[in-house]
C-alpha atoms as a PDB file:
ATOM      1  CA  MET A   1     -43.186  35.220  -0.462  1.00  0.00           C
ATOM      2  CA  ILE A   2     -43.589  37.630  -3.380  1.00  0.00           C
ATOM      3  CA  VAL A   3     -40.472  36.187  -5.053  1.00  0.00           C
ATOM      4  CA  LEU A   4     -41.984  32.687  -4.893  1.00  0.00           C
ATOM      5  CA  GLU A   5     -45.233  34.016  -6.347  1.00  0.00           C
ATOM      6  CA  LEU A   6     -43.355  35.740  -9.178  1.00  0.00           C
ATOM      7  CA  VAL A   7     -41.437  32.548  -9.962  1.00  0.00           C
ATOM      8  CA  LEU A   8     -44.661  30.522 -10.018  1.00  0.00           C
ATOM      9  CA  TYR A   9     -46.341  33.120 -12.223  1.00  0.00           C
ATOM     10  CA  CYS A  10     -43.464  32.999 -14.713  1.00  0.00           C
ATOM     11  CA  LEU A  11     -43.524  29.186 -14.652  1.00  0.00           C
ATOM     12  CA  LEU A  12     -47.243  29.333 -15.479  1.00  0.00           C
ATOM     13  CA  PHE A  13     -46.377  31.654 -18.380  1.00  0.00           C
ATOM     14  CA  THR A  14     -43.779  29.150 -19.622  1.00  0.00           C
ATOM     15  CA  ALA A  15     -46.239  26.269 -19.286  1.00  0.00           C
ATOM     16  CA  MET A  16     -48.805  28.165 -21.353  1.00  0.00           C
ATOM     17  CA  VAL A  17     -46.265  28.730 -24.144  1.00  0.00           C
ATOM     18  CA  LYS A  18     -45.173  25.086 -23.987  1.00  0.00           C
ATOM     19  CA  ILE A  19     -48.806  23.959 -24.284  1.00  0.00           C
ATOM     20  CA  ALA A  20     -49.251  26.271 -27.297  1.00  0.00           C
ATOM     21  CA  VAL A  21     -46.468  24.489 -29.175  1.00  0.00           C
ATOM     22  CA  TRP A  22     -47.326  20.965 -28.035  1.00  0.00           C
ATOM     23  CA  GLY A  23     -46.684  18.738 -31.004  1.00  0.00           C
ATOM     24  CA  GLY A  24     -44.218  21.098 -32.658  1.00  0.00           C
ATOM     25  CA  ALA A  25     -43.199  24.715 -33.035  1.00  0.00           C
ATOM     26  CA  VAL A  26     -45.378  25.113 -36.130  1.00  0.00           C
ATOM     27  CA  ASN A  27     -48.367  25.069 -33.756  1.00  0.00           C
ATOM     28  CA  GLY A  28     -47.123  28.413 -32.456  1.00  0.00           C
ATOM     29  CA  LEU A  29     -46.429  29.927 -35.871  1.00  0.00           C
ATOM     30  CA  TYR A  30     -48.293  33.084 -34.771  1.00  0.00           C
ATOM     31  CA  PHE A  31     -45.323  33.808 -32.460  1.00  0.00           C
ATOM     32  CA  TYR A  32     -43.007  34.100 -35.485  1.00  0.00           C
ATOM     33  CA  PRO A  33     -42.225  37.141 -37.654  1.00  0.00           C
ATOM     34  CA  LYS A  34     -44.317  37.581 -40.811  1.00  0.00           C
ATOM     35  CA  PRO A  35     -41.561  36.437 -43.249  1.00  0.00           C
ATOM     36  CA  VAL A  36     -41.280  33.109 -41.411  1.00  0.00           C
ATOM     37  CA  GLN A  37     -45.059  32.730 -41.413  1.00  0.00           C
ATOM     38  CA  GLU A  38     -45.253  33.468 -45.131  1.00  0.00           C
ATOM     39  CA  ARG A  39     -42.545  30.897 -45.901  1.00  0.00           C
ATOM     40  CA  ALA A  40     -44.317  28.299 -43.734  1.00  0.00           C
ATOM     41  CA  PHE A  41     -47.527  28.912 -45.703  1.00  0.00           C
ATOM     42  CA  ALA A  42     -45.694  28.781 -49.035  1.00  0.00           C
ATOM     43  CA  ILE A  43     -44.030  25.439 -48.298  1.00  0.00           C
ATOM     44  CA  GLY A  44     -47.201  23.930 -46.882  1.00  0.00           C
ATOM     45  CA  LEU A  45     -46.320  23.574 -43.197  1.00  0.00           C
ATOM     46  CA  THR A  46     -49.757  24.989 -42.344  1.00  0.00           C
ATOM     47  CA  ASP A  47     -52.291  27.504 -43.622  1.00  0.00           C
ATOM     48  CA  ARG A  48     -53.404  30.988 -42.592  1.00  0.00           C
ATOM     49  CA  GLU A  49     -56.798  29.936 -41.245  1.00  0.00           C
ATOM     50  CA  THR A  50     -55.265  27.267 -39.001  1.00  0.00           C
ATOM     51  CA  VAL A  51     -52.746  29.773 -37.631  1.00  0.00           C
ATOM     52  CA  ARG A  52     -55.449  32.405 -37.125  1.00  0.00           C
ATOM     53  CA  ARG A  53     -57.654  29.912 -35.282  1.00  0.00           C
ATOM     54  CA  LYS A  54     -54.792  28.641 -33.077  1.00  0.00           C
ATOM     55  CA  CYS A  55     -53.689  32.184 -32.293  1.00  0.00           C
ATOM     56  CA  ARG A  56     -57.185  33.258 -31.290  1.00  0.00           C
ATOM     57  CA  ARG A  57     -57.673  30.153 -29.163  1.00  0.00           C
ATOM     58  CA  PHE A  58     -54.295  30.444 -27.463  1.00  0.00           C
ATOM     59  CA  MET A  59     -54.415  34.178 -26.801  1.00  0.00           C
ATOM     60  CA  THR A  60     -57.901  33.962 -25.315  1.00  0.00           C
ATOM     61  CA  ALA A  61     -56.904  31.096 -23.015  1.00  0.00           C
ATOM     62  CA  PHE A  62     -53.563  32.730 -22.209  1.00  0.00           C
ATOM     63  CA  TYR A  63     -55.037  36.057 -21.117  1.00  0.00           C
ATOM     64  CA  LEU A  64     -57.829  34.390 -19.133  1.00  0.00           C
ATOM     65  CA  VAL A  65     -55.475  32.017 -17.320  1.00  0.00           C
ATOM     66  CA  MET A  66     -52.824  34.649 -16.594  1.00  0.00           C
ATOM     67  CA  LEU A  67     -55.403  37.225 -15.430  1.00  0.00           C
ATOM     68  CA  THR A  68     -57.185  34.671 -13.250  1.00  0.00           C
ATOM     69  CA  ALA A  69     -53.904  33.536 -11.705  1.00  0.00           C
ATOM     70  CA  LEU A  70     -52.863  37.146 -11.095  1.00  0.00           C
ATOM     71  CA  VAL A  71     -56.157  38.045  -9.446  1.00  0.00           C
ATOM     72  CA  LEU A  72     -56.123  34.893  -7.300  1.00  0.00           C
ATOM     73  CA  ILE A  73     -52.556  35.514  -6.156  1.00  0.00           C
ATOM     74  CA  ILE A  74     -53.332  39.105  -5.169  1.00  0.00           C
ATOM     75  CA  ALA A  75     -56.856  38.621  -3.784  1.00  0.00           C
ATOM     76  CA  VAL A  76     -56.688  35.158  -2.219  1.00  0.00           C
ATOM     77  CA  TRP A  77     -53.055  34.340  -1.533  1.00  0.00           C
ATOM     78  CA  ASN A  78     -51.976  37.881  -0.539  1.00  0.00           C
ATOM     79  CA  ARG A  79     -55.417  38.939   0.763  1.00  0.00           C
ATOM     80  CA  THR A  80     -55.135  42.365  -0.751  1.00  0.00           C
ATOM     81  CA  GLY A  81     -58.361  44.335  -0.786  1.00  0.00           C
ATOM     82  CA  THR A  82     -57.425  47.930  -1.578  1.00  0.00           C
ATOM     83  CA  PHE A  83     -57.043  49.262  -5.084  1.00  0.00           C
ATOM     84  CA  GLY A  84     -53.636  50.843  -4.468  1.00  0.00           C
ATOM     85  CA  ALA A  85     -52.031  47.730  -2.992  1.00  0.00           C
ATOM     86  CA  ALA A  86     -53.618  45.496  -5.638  1.00  0.00           C
ATOM     87  CA  TYR A  87     -52.520  47.840  -8.412  1.00  0.00           C
ATOM     88  CA  TRP A  88     -48.858  47.891  -7.380  1.00  0.00           C
ATOM     89  CA  GLN A  89     -48.774  44.127  -6.962  1.00  0.00           C
ATOM     90  CA  ALA A  90     -50.429  43.585 -10.348  1.00  0.00           C
ATOM     91  CA  LEU A  91     -48.037  46.028 -12.001  1.00  0.00           C
ATOM     92  CA  LEU A  92     -45.055  44.228 -10.460  1.00  0.00           C
ATOM     93  CA  PHE A  93     -46.277  40.831 -11.706  1.00  0.00           C
ATOM     94  CA  LEU A  94     -47.076  42.096 -15.195  1.00  0.00           C
ATOM     95  CA  GLU A  95     -43.772  43.927 -15.598  1.00  0.00           C
ATOM     96  CA  VAL A  96     -41.757  40.965 -14.322  1.00  0.00           C
ATOM     97  CA  MET A  97     -43.683  38.747 -16.765  1.00  0.00           C
ATOM     98  CA  ASN A  98     -42.920  41.253 -19.531  1.00  0.00           C
ATOM     99  CA  VAL A  99     -39.159  41.184 -18.870  1.00  0.00           C
ATOM    100  CA  TYR A 100     -39.224  37.403 -18.379  1.00  0.00           C
ATOM    101  CA  ASP A 101     -40.934  36.956 -21.743  1.00  0.00           C
ATOM    102  CA  GLY A 102     -38.392  39.150 -23.522  1.00  0.00           C
ATOM    103  CA  ILE A 103     -35.256  37.701 -21.976  1.00  0.00           C
ATOM    104  CA  VAL A 104     -36.000  34.126 -20.892  1.00  0.00           C
ATOM    105  CA  ILE A 105     -38.572  33.125 -23.497  1.00  0.00           C
ATOM    106  CA  ASP A 106     -37.587  35.186 -26.560  1.00  0.00           C
ATOM    107  CA  LYS A 107     -33.821  35.479 -26.242  1.00  0.00           C
ATOM    108  CA  LEU A 108     -32.816  32.377 -24.259  1.00  0.00           C
ATOM    109  CA  TRP A 109     -35.366  29.646 -25.013  1.00  0.00           C
ATOM    110  CA  VAL A 110     -36.306  30.602 -28.561  1.00  0.00           C
ATOM    111  CA  GLY A 111     -32.860  31.955 -29.380  1.00  0.00           C
ATOM    112  CA  HIS A 112     -30.907  28.914 -28.188  1.00  0.00           C
ATOM    113  CA  SER A 113     -33.163  25.932 -28.852  1.00  0.00           C
ATOM    114  CA  LYS A 114     -33.330  23.960 -32.089  1.00  0.00           C
ATOM    115  CA  PHE A 115     -36.977  23.205 -31.236  1.00  0.00           C
ATOM    116  CA  TRP A 116     -38.056  26.584 -32.620  1.00  0.00           C
ATOM    117  CA  ILE A 117     -36.355  26.178 -36.017  1.00  0.00           C
ATOM    118  CA  LEU A 118     -39.022  25.338 -38.588  1.00  0.00           C
ATOM    119  CA  PRO A 119     -37.949  23.068 -41.456  1.00  0.00           C
ATOM    120  CA  GLY A 120     -37.606  25.064 -44.640  1.00  0.00           C
ATOM    121  CA  THR A 121     -37.198  28.407 -42.835  1.00  0.00           C
ATOM    122  CA  GLU A 122     -33.683  27.932 -41.485  1.00  0.00           C
ATOM    123  CA  ASP A 123     -32.349  30.861 -43.524  1.00  0.00           C
ATOM    124  CA  LEU A 124     -34.866  33.347 -42.091  1.00  0.00           C
ATOM    125  CA  PRO A 125     -34.249  35.240 -38.833  1.00  0.00           C
ATOM    126  CA  PHE A 126     -36.913  34.423 -36.266  1.00  0.00           C
ATOM    127  CA  VAL A 127     -35.285  35.518 -33.006  1.00  0.00           C
ATOM    128  CA  GLN A 128     -35.797  39.154 -32.083  1.00  0.00           C
ATOM    129  CA  THR A 129     -32.748  41.380 -31.788  1.00  0.00           C
ATOM    130  CA  TRP A 130     -32.052  43.058 -28.456  1.00  0.00           C
ATOM    131  CA  GLY A 131     -33.320  46.300 -29.974  1.00  0.00           C
ATOM    132  CA  GLN A 132     -36.589  44.665 -31.025  1.00  0.00           C
ATOM    133  CA  VAL A 133     -36.970  43.107 -27.571  1.00  0.00           C
ATOM    134  CA  ALA A 134     -36.376  46.481 -25.887  1.00  0.00           C
ATOM    135  CA  LYS A 135     -38.863  48.257 -28.177  1.00  0.00           C
ATOM    136  CA  LYS A 136     -41.580  45.618 -27.705  1.00  0.00           C
ATOM    137  CA  ARG A 137     -41.043  45.397 -23.936  1.00  0.00           C
ATOM    138  CA  THR A 138     -41.176  49.191 -23.567  1.00  0.00           C
ATOM    139  CA  PHE A 139     -44.467  49.302 -25.465  1.00  0.00           C
ATOM    140  CA  LEU A 140     -45.886  46.436 -23.388  1.00  0.00           C
ATOM    141  CA  ALA A 141     -44.711  48.106 -20.158  1.00  0.00           C
ATOM    142  CA  LEU A 142     -47.110  50.934 -20.978  1.00  0.00           C
ATOM    143  CA  ILE A 143     -49.923  48.496 -21.774  1.00  0.00           C
ATOM    144  CA  TRP A 144     -49.428  46.755 -18.429  1.00  0.00           C
ATOM    145  CA  VAL A 145     -50.004  50.047 -16.606  1.00  0.00           C
ATOM    146  CA  ALA A 146     -53.623  49.793 -17.786  1.00  0.00           C
ATOM    147  CA  GLY A 147     -53.684  46.002 -17.339  1.00  0.00           C
ATOM    148  CA  ALA A 148     -52.664  46.390 -13.709  1.00  0.00           C
ATOM    149  CA  ALA A 149     -55.581  48.779 -13.147  1.00  0.00           C
ATOM    150  CA  LEU A 150     -57.974  46.207 -14.619  1.00  0.00           C
ATOM    151  CA  ALA A 151     -56.584  43.447 -12.393  1.00  0.00           C
ATOM    152  CA  ALA A 152     -56.696  45.703  -9.322  1.00  0.00           C
ATOM    153  CA  GLY A 153     -60.303  46.607 -10.089  1.00  0.00           C
ATOM    154  CA  ILE A 154     -61.252  42.921 -10.223  1.00  0.00           C
ATOM    155  CA  VAL A 155     -59.423  42.287  -6.942  1.00  0.00           C
ATOM    156  CA  VAL A 156     -61.314  45.150  -5.231  1.00  0.00           C
ATOM    157  CA  LEU A 157     -64.599  43.903  -6.689  1.00  0.00           C
ATOM    158  CA  LEU A 158     -63.929  40.399  -5.343  1.00  0.00           C
ATOM    159  CA  ALA A 159     -62.992  41.840  -1.941  1.00  0.00           C
ATOM    160  CA  SER A 160     -66.249  43.827  -1.801  1.00  0.00           C
ATOM    161  CA  LEU A 161     -68.271  40.740  -2.770  1.00  0.00           C
ATOM    162  CA  ALA A 162     -66.557  38.683  -0.069  1.00  0.00           C
ATOM    163  CA  ALA A 163     -67.216  41.305   2.617  1.00  0.00           C
END
């Protein structure tokens, strides 16, 4: 069952990214490295304020949706009520999402799809190297240790309210 839940969680992650770039990859310019962003601004694909606004809107929705889904999976679907069990489940989901993002989203989807190539920036690298992916994923793995505690705390709070 946990494998199905992990697959669904990663599909939700993918859907959120797809929604962010609905209408074109330029709508997700905040995902790109700074040199690509600067070129996109210089050639008039968009402007800084639009990117800042879209980034803020997406990241807020993304974290709320992913946290809510995580808490619902652990608290409702798995009926976990203890902090320890909720913590380990949350950590598993967050770390799988972290690896999924680095390999499936960054390296496979972004790295092998023409969709992500912005006109006028073709000469700039926008796909992370394996070293960059490893560095970012290692850093995020540490962040998710704290994120899992937050999710587990919410799960325990919900369990105490339901009791």
